[in-house]
Amino acid sequence: MYCYKPVVNSYTNIRSKVDKHLFVDSRKLFDTPFVYLCMDEGFELTEIEARNFGEYLRKGGFAVLDNGKPQDEFSSAEASLRRMLRDSLGKDAKFLPIPNNHPVYHCFFDFDDGPPQGAEIAISVVSTITVYTFGNFNNFTMSKQVFYLEGITIDDRLVAIYSDKGYGKKWADTVKNEPQLKMGVNMVVFALTQEGSIAQQKMDFFSSVQ
């Protein structure tokens, strides 16, 4: 995410700051309007972490949970990220595809066809066949593109996005990643401007005391 900070700053008037150490069970979480979490391995939350994260989302927080291994079907990372939201939100953790007309795709840059391709498409060698006359032939398999992001909405507010895109890997690239960077900008802008968000709550508070 550190590589993404200058991108947000350059595309928008937002002056973003990336917290070096933000723990899920910390009360400091409630001052953070946007949380991005990318995992490529399985993990588990403690009961305290799950309760705190759920409270954060319900009270105006916004999180993007990004599968770091989207090319692997049913990976431990995907299972853990989904479980994190279920453990934190209970029965409210209903994963639904985010439609292409949703504001998250249009709040800054327009993505009329939905989210851009991420790192979910990969070509892997699954086996090698040896034919002595001609040499070795590799049998390849290609992972499938994911055409939507999934969201969890509580009281008409999108509180979390689950991504099988692996955008974090694309953001870290140095070339051919402009659409993915712009999608990330939209996520940040949406998190800050959505009604009921932490950022909007703070703006309303300071407006009321002036």
Protein backbone atom coordinates (compact mmCIF):
# COMPACT_ATOMS: atom_id res chain seq x y z
CA MET A 1 0.00 0.00 0.00
CA TYR A 2 2.98 2.33 0.46
CA CYS A 3 3.52 2.32 -3.30
CA TYR A 4 -0.07 3.47 -3.73
CA LYS A 5 0.10 6.59 -1.55
CA PRO A 6 1.70 8.87 -4.21
CA VAL A 7 -0.86 7.67 -6.76
CA VAL A 8 -3.81 8.85 -4.66
CA ASN A 9 -2.01 12.12 -3.95
CA SER A 10 -1.22 12.76 -7.62
CA TYR A 11 -4.66 11.95 -9.05
CA THR A 12 -6.68 13.76 -6.38
CA ASN A 13 -6.46 16.59 -3.86
CA ILE A 14 -6.41 13.99 -1.09
CA ARG A 15 -3.28 13.94 1.05
CA SER A 16 -3.21 10.34 2.11
CA LYS A 17 -1.24 8.83 4.94
CA VAL A 18 -0.46 5.14 5.33
CA ASP A 19 -0.29 3.88 8.89
CA LYS A 20 2.77 1.68 9.40
CA HIS A 21 1.26 -0.40 12.19
CA LEU A 22 -2.51 -0.58 12.46
CA PHE A 23 -3.88 -3.47 14.46
CA VAL A 24 -7.38 -4.86 13.96
CA ASP A 25 -8.10 -4.77 17.70
CA SER A 26 -6.93 -1.15 18.11
CA ARG A 27 -9.30 1.75 18.84
CA LYS A 28 -7.14 3.75 16.43
CA LEU A 29 -8.98 1.86 13.71
CA PHE A 30 -11.98 4.12 14.30
CA ASP A 31 -9.99 7.14 13.08
CA THR A 32 -9.11 5.36 9.84
CA PRO A 33 -11.61 5.96 7.02
CA PHE A 34 -10.16 3.37 4.62
CA VAL A 35 -8.61 -0.02 5.34
CA TYR A 36 -6.96 -2.15 2.66
CA LEU A 37 -5.97 -5.71 3.50
CA CYS A 38 -4.28 -8.04 1.02
CA MET A 39 -3.42 -11.59 2.09
CA ASP A 40 -1.90 -14.51 0.22
CA GLU A 41 -2.01 -16.97 3.13
CA GLY A 42 -4.61 -18.14 5.59
CA PHE A 43 -5.08 -16.51 9.00
CA GLU A 44 -7.53 -16.29 11.89
CA LEU A 45 -8.88 -13.38 13.90
CA THR A 46 -9.19 -13.46 17.64
CA GLU A 47 -12.63 -12.87 19.12
CA ILE A 48 -11.57 -9.38 20.21
CA GLU A 49 -10.25 -8.53 16.73
CA ALA A 50 -13.43 -9.72 15.05
CA ARG A 51 -15.64 -7.76 17.44
CA ASN A 52 -13.59 -4.58 17.01
CA PHE A 53 -13.47 -4.87 13.22
CA GLY A 54 -17.21 -5.45 13.04
CA GLU A 55 -17.87 -2.40 15.20
CA TYR A 56 -15.54 -0.36 12.98
CA LEU A 57 -17.46 -1.31 9.84
CA ARG A 58 -20.85 -0.64 11.44
CA LYS A 59 -19.78 2.79 12.70
CA GLY A 60 -18.64 4.26 9.39
CA GLY A 61 -15.53 2.30 8.51
CA PHE A 62 -14.80 0.94 5.07
CA ALA A 63 -12.53 -1.96 4.13
CA VAL A 64 -11.26 -3.59 0.96
CA LEU A 65 -10.20 -7.19 1.47
CA ASP A 66 -8.11 -8.33 -1.50
CA ASN A 67 -7.18 -11.92 -2.25
CA GLY A 68 -3.43 -11.97 -2.90
CA LYS A 69 -3.69 -15.28 -4.75
CA PRO A 70 -6.75 -14.80 -6.97
CA GLN A 71 -5.43 -17.24 -9.57
CA ASP A 72 -5.82 -20.10 -7.07
CA GLU A 73 -9.36 -21.38 -6.68
CA PHE A 74 -10.51 -21.89 -3.08
CA SER A 75 -7.22 -20.62 -1.64
CA SER A 76 -6.65 -20.34 2.10
CA ALA A 77 -6.32 -16.57 1.66
CA GLU A 78 -9.79 -16.31 0.13
CA ALA A 79 -11.30 -18.52 2.82
CA SER A 80 -9.71 -16.48 5.62
CA LEU A 81 -10.72 -13.09 4.20
CA ARG A 82 -14.33 -14.20 3.78
CA ARG A 83 -14.34 -15.71 7.25
CA MET A 84 -12.94 -12.45 8.65
CA LEU A 85 -16.03 -10.60 7.43
CA ARG A 86 -18.42 -13.34 8.55
CA ASP A 87 -16.87 -13.48 12.02
CA SER A 88 -16.95 -9.69 12.30
CA LEU A 89 -20.44 -9.02 10.94
CA GLY A 90 -22.31 -12.24 11.65
CA LYS A 91 -25.58 -12.56 9.76
CA ASP A 92 -25.00 -9.19 8.05
CA ALA A 93 -22.05 -10.59 6.10
CA LYS A 94 -23.95 -11.15 2.86
CA PHE A 95 -21.61 -11.15 -0.13
CA LEU A 96 -23.29 -9.77 -3.25
CA PRO A 97 -21.83 -8.76 -6.63
CA ILE A 98 -21.44 -4.99 -6.91
CA PRO A 99 -23.35 -3.89 -10.05
CA ASN A 100 -21.56 -1.87 -12.73
CA ASN A 101 -23.70 1.20 -12.06
CA HIS A 102 -22.61 1.41 -8.41
CA PRO A 103 -20.97 4.73 -7.38
CA VAL A 104 -17.71 2.97 -6.49
CA TYR A 105 -17.16 2.54 -10.24
CA HIS A 106 -18.01 6.16 -11.07
CA CYS A 107 -17.19 8.41 -8.10
CA PHE A 108 -13.95 9.68 -9.68
CA PHE A 109 -13.02 7.64 -12.74
CA ASP A 110 -15.67 5.84 -14.78
CA PHE A 111 -15.57 2.07 -15.17
CA ASP A 112 -18.69 1.44 -17.23
CA ASP A 113 -17.82 -2.24 -17.70
CA GLY A 114 -17.08 -2.88 -14.05
CA PRO A 115 -13.73 -3.44 -12.36
CA PRO A 116 -10.60 -3.76 -14.51
CA GLN A 117 -8.69 -7.01 -14.74
CA GLY A 118 -6.36 -7.62 -11.83
CA ALA A 119 -3.86 -10.37 -11.14
CA GLU A 120 -6.46 -13.13 -11.31
CA ILE A 121 -5.42 -14.31 -14.77
CA ALA A 122 -2.33 -16.49 -14.75
CA ILE A 123 -0.95 -19.30 -16.88
CA SER A 124 0.42 -22.32 -15.05
CA VAL A 125 2.14 -25.50 -16.16
CA VAL A 126 0.15 -28.43 -14.80
CA SER A 127 2.09 -31.25 -16.43
CA THR A 128 4.85 -31.99 -18.93
CA ILE A 129 4.55 -34.64 -21.61
CA THR A 130 7.74 -36.04 -23.07
CA VAL A 131 7.67 -37.14 -26.70
CA TYR A 132 11.11 -38.44 -27.54
CA THR A 133 10.93 -37.54 -31.20
CA PHE A 134 9.97 -33.90 -30.66
CA GLY A 135 10.94 -33.10 -27.06
CA ASN A 136 8.84 -31.88 -24.12
CA PHE A 137 5.37 -30.40 -24.38
CA ASN A 138 3.86 -28.52 -21.48
CA ASN A 139 0.20 -28.78 -20.60
CA PHE A 140 -0.98 -25.31 -19.54
CA THR A 141 -3.99 -24.14 -17.59
CA MET A 142 -5.24 -20.55 -17.45
CA SER A 143 -7.13 -19.13 -14.51
CA LYS A 144 -10.35 -17.28 -15.25
CA GLN A 145 -11.01 -13.57 -15.13
CA VAL A 146 -13.30 -12.33 -12.38
CA PHE A 147 -15.80 -9.81 -13.72
CA TYR A 148 -17.09 -8.25 -10.51
CA LEU A 149 -16.23 -7.24 -6.98
CA GLU A 150 -18.35 -8.42 -4.06
CA GLY A 151 -19.74 -6.09 -1.45
CA ILE A 152 -21.38 -6.18 1.95
CA THR A 153 -24.01 -3.52 2.59
CA ILE A 154 -25.47 -2.61 5.97
CA ASP A 155 -28.30 -0.06 6.24
CA ASP A 156 -27.81 1.02 2.62
CA ARG A 157 -24.10 1.71 3.16
CA LEU A 158 -21.39 -0.33 1.47
CA VAL A 159 -19.07 -1.25 4.35
CA ALA A 160 -16.72 -3.75 2.73
CA ILE A 161 -15.50 -4.94 -0.64
CA TYR A 162 -14.17 -8.43 -1.19
CA SER A 163 -11.89 -8.59 -4.23
CA ASP A 164 -10.73 -11.69 -6.08
CA LYS A 165 -8.59 -9.39 -8.21
CA GLY A 166 -5.25 -9.19 -6.44
CA TYR A 167 -5.05 -5.47 -7.15
CA GLY A 168 -2.24 -5.06 -4.65
CA LYS A 169 0.10 -6.93 -6.97
CA LYS A 170 -0.92 -4.79 -9.93
CA TRP A 171 -0.43 -1.60 -7.91
CA ALA A 172 3.12 -2.70 -7.14
CA ASP A 173 3.92 -3.10 -10.85
CA THR A 174 5.76 -0.28 -12.59
CA VAL A 175 4.07 -0.58 -16.00
CA LYS A 176 0.69 -1.38 -17.54
CA ASN A 177 -1.31 -0.84 -14.38
CA GLU A 178 -3.07 2.50 -14.89
CA PRO A 179 -6.64 1.07 -14.88
CA GLN A 180 -5.93 -0.81 -11.66
CA LEU A 181 -4.44 2.28 -10.02
CA LYS A 182 -7.48 4.32 -11.02
CA MET A 183 -9.79 1.67 -9.57
CA GLY A 184 -7.92 2.00 -6.30
CA VAL A 185 -8.40 5.77 -6.39
CA ASN A 186 -12.14 5.21 -6.78
CA MET A 187 -12.16 2.95 -3.74
CA VAL A 188 -10.47 5.59 -1.60
CA VAL A 189 -12.65 8.45 -2.87
CA PHE A 190 -15.79 6.40 -2.34
CA ALA A 191 -14.76 5.50 1.21
CA LEU A 192 -14.24 9.18 2.04
CA THR A 193 -17.35 10.59 0.40
CA GLN A 194 -19.97 7.95 1.15
CA GLU A 195 -22.77 9.15 3.41
CA GLY A 196 -22.19 7.94 6.96
CA SER A 197 -18.47 7.31 6.46
CA ILE A 198 -15.91 8.16 9.13
CA ALA A 199 -14.63 11.04 6.99
CA GLN A 200 -18.13 12.46 6.54
CA GLN A 201 -18.85 12.12 10.26
CA LYS A 202 -15.73 14.13 11.07
CA MET A 203 -16.62 16.81 8.52
CA ASP A 204 -20.13 17.09 9.95
CA PHE A 205 -18.72 17.40 13.46
CA PHE A 206 -16.28 20.18 12.62
CA SER A 207 -18.95 22.00 10.63
CA SER A 208 -21.29 21.93 13.63
CA VAL A 209 -18.74 23.44 16.04
CA GLN A 210 -17.74 26.33 13.80
